[in-house]
Amino acid sequence: MRILVLGGTTDARALAGLLQGRAEVVSSLAGRVRNPLLPPGEVRVGGFGGVRGLVEYLRDRGIDVVVDATHPFAAGMTANAAAASAATGVPLVVLRRPGWTEGPGDDWRRVPSLRAAADLLPAVGSRVFLTTGRQDLATFAHLDLWFLVRSVDPPDPPVPRRMRSILDRGPFGVDRERELLREHAIDVLVTKDSGGSATAAKLTAAREAGVPVVVVDRPPLPAGVPVVADPPACLAMLGERYALGG
């Protein structure tokens, strides 16, 4: 069986590892990070050229199943994968870890988009820990607030006028997140609901410090696409539905 894993995430790398010896796996990365952590097995980097390019790739490579294990906010890639699956008949499975749920002591403000987050921010705080990714900074560039931004690669303009950029790669522990909030006097955290426990450390630190959190909700998934919550569940589904080797 030949499986295309649309990846770039920790879960995608874990799934590629689980599939080794059971199937022929090609992991596809968008190429937006200069030195990405590579999964085991064959890797391709770069876009497909839209739905048409992905359709051609699936047919040319004889792909049997596509697993979309991209970031929950990679809505464009997910939509293209669903369209290509419909056009070719190649089954699509979406691997998405569950989103976060507000708990006791949390002070969250859920918003439907990055633009809505930017509109809300001035009423919530003035020193912002912005963890939505370096490619989203333009949405906040017009705000006269102070921003702490963390990313793997340096952000490209336009960026907020008052900003400190930290280059680092996760996962990050709670102690480190506490230190950042305290050192930079952060009074509001902005994050996408990417889910998972590895990125929840910043939420724990914010709860302990009484810092409000603006949470950007996920875009909806295409209708009718099967969804699994973690790599082991994805492996089990592939084995049950598509006679994956042992």
Foldseek 3Di string as FASTA:
>chain_A
DEEEEADLDPQSLVLLVVCVPFHQYEYEAQCPFPDGDDHPHHYDYHDQPALVSVLVVCVVVVHQAYEYAYFLQVQRVLVSVVVSCVVNVRAYEYAAADFDDDDPLAAEDEDADPLVVLVCPVVQDAEEEEEAELVPQASNQVDPGAYEYEEQDDHDDPHHPHYDYHHDDDLDALVVLLCVCVVRVHQEYEYERRDDDSNCSNRVSCSVVVHHYYYHYGDDGDPPHHYDNGSVRVVVVCCVPPVTGD
